Protein backbone atom coordinates (compact mmCIF):
# COMPACT_ATOMS: atom_id res chain seq x y z
CA MET A 1 73.19 73.88 118.03
CA ASN A 2 75.17 76.35 115.85
CA SER A 3 74.49 79.76 117.12
CA GLU A 4 76.64 81.32 114.37
CA THR A 5 74.80 83.63 111.79
CA ARG A 6 75.22 82.51 108.09
CA ALA A 7 74.94 86.15 106.69
CA ALA A 8 77.94 88.27 106.52
CA PRO A 9 78.00 91.06 109.45
CA ALA A 10 78.09 94.57 108.19
CA ALA A 11 81.27 96.04 106.57
CA GLY A 12 80.97 99.21 108.27
CA ALA A 13 81.25 102.35 105.98
CA ALA A 14 83.29 105.57 107.10
CA ASP A 15 80.31 107.10 108.47
CA GLY A 16 79.54 104.07 110.67
CA ARG A 17 76.54 102.79 108.96
CA PRO A 18 76.47 99.39 107.52
CA PRO A 19 76.81 99.11 103.62
CA ARG A 20 73.36 99.23 101.64
CA TRP A 21 73.52 95.45 100.85
CA THR A 22 73.32 94.14 104.28
CA GLY A 23 69.92 92.78 105.21
CA LYS A 24 68.75 92.44 101.52
CA PRO A 25 67.81 89.12 100.03
CA VAL A 26 70.28 88.11 97.27
CA ARG A 27 67.83 88.49 94.50
CA ARG A 28 67.14 92.08 95.28
CA LEU A 29 70.89 93.27 95.37
CA THR A 30 72.06 95.09 92.29
CA THR A 31 75.07 93.83 90.42
CA GLY A 32 77.37 96.48 92.09
CA GLU A 33 76.02 95.36 95.62
CA LEU A 34 76.52 91.80 94.57
CA ALA A 35 80.15 92.51 93.62
CA GLU A 36 80.66 94.63 96.94
CA ALA A 37 79.23 91.61 99.01
CA LEU A 38 81.55 89.26 97.40
CA GLU A 39 84.46 91.42 97.77
CA TYR A 40 83.58 91.68 101.61
CA LEU A 41 82.96 87.95 102.04
CA GLU A 42 86.32 87.13 100.34
CA ARG A 43 88.15 89.29 102.97
CA HIS A 44 86.26 88.58 105.92
CA ARG A 45 84.25 85.40 105.94
CA PRO A 46 86.06 83.11 103.34
CA ASP A 47 84.87 80.13 105.03
CA ASP A 48 81.02 81.06 104.46
CA ASP A 49 80.46 78.87 101.33
CA VAL A 50 76.94 78.94 101.51
CA LEU A 51 76.53 82.68 101.26
CA GLY A 52 79.49 82.71 98.93
CA ARG A 53 78.02 80.26 96.44
CA ALA A 54 74.49 82.25 96.55
CA LEU A 55 76.16 85.56 95.84
CA ALA A 56 78.35 84.14 93.02
CA GLY A 57 75.68 82.12 91.56
CA GLU A 58 73.36 85.20 91.45
CA PHE A 59 76.23 87.67 89.86
CA ALA A 60 76.89 84.78 87.32
CA ARG A 61 73.38 84.43 86.34
CA ARG A 62 72.83 88.23 86.07
CA THR A 63 76.12 88.55 84.05
CA ALA A 64 74.92 85.72 81.74
CA ALA A 65 71.67 87.37 81.21
CA ALA A 66 73.03 90.56 80.50
CA GLU A 67 75.37 89.22 77.86
CA PHE A 68 72.49 87.33 76.24
CA ALA A 69 70.39 90.60 76.09
CA ARG A 70 73.41 92.60 74.64
CA ARG A 71 74.17 89.79 71.72
CA ALA A 72 70.28 89.54 71.12
CA ALA A 73 70.38 93.46 70.81
CA GLU A 74 73.13 93.48 68.29
CA ARG A 75 71.33 90.58 66.44
CA ALA A 76 68.26 92.74 66.10
CA ARG A 77 70.03 95.86 65.14
CA SER A 78 72.03 93.67 62.49
CA ALA A 79 68.83 92.40 60.96
CA ALA A 80 67.16 95.78 60.82
CA ASP A 81 70.09 97.23 59.13
CA ARG A 82 70.13 94.81 56.23
CA SER A 83 68.36 95.74 52.95
CA PRO A 84 65.13 93.76 51.85
CA ALA A 85 67.25 91.80 49.29
CA ASP A 86 69.57 90.82 51.87
CA ARG A 87 67.10 89.33 53.96
CA ASN A 88 65.15 87.47 51.10
CA PRO A 89 67.52 87.08 48.09
CA ALA A 90 65.02 85.16 46.01
CA ALA A 91 62.68 88.19 45.89
CA GLY A 92 65.18 89.93 43.55
CA PRO A 93 65.92 93.70 43.10
CA ASP A 94 62.49 94.64 42.96
CA GLY A 95 61.33 92.98 46.58
């Protein structure tokens, strides 16, 4: 039986309190907390593959989702900025 915990122990802030991300489910961590947890894990627990993969996967998913949303917003702005004739060239200059 393995009594070792799978989660990274608290990194310990300067004031002695653990970081905000300890004890939170991975999906509830902010992007900043995910980055902080990944940095901690790399320094202190590089052998914890399970937690490392979970954190990295969630970070990648969020990064990809944010990039997709940014590109979709750019496309929407670009489409809204075009004139009606640009959107439907067959309509002619009078719409």
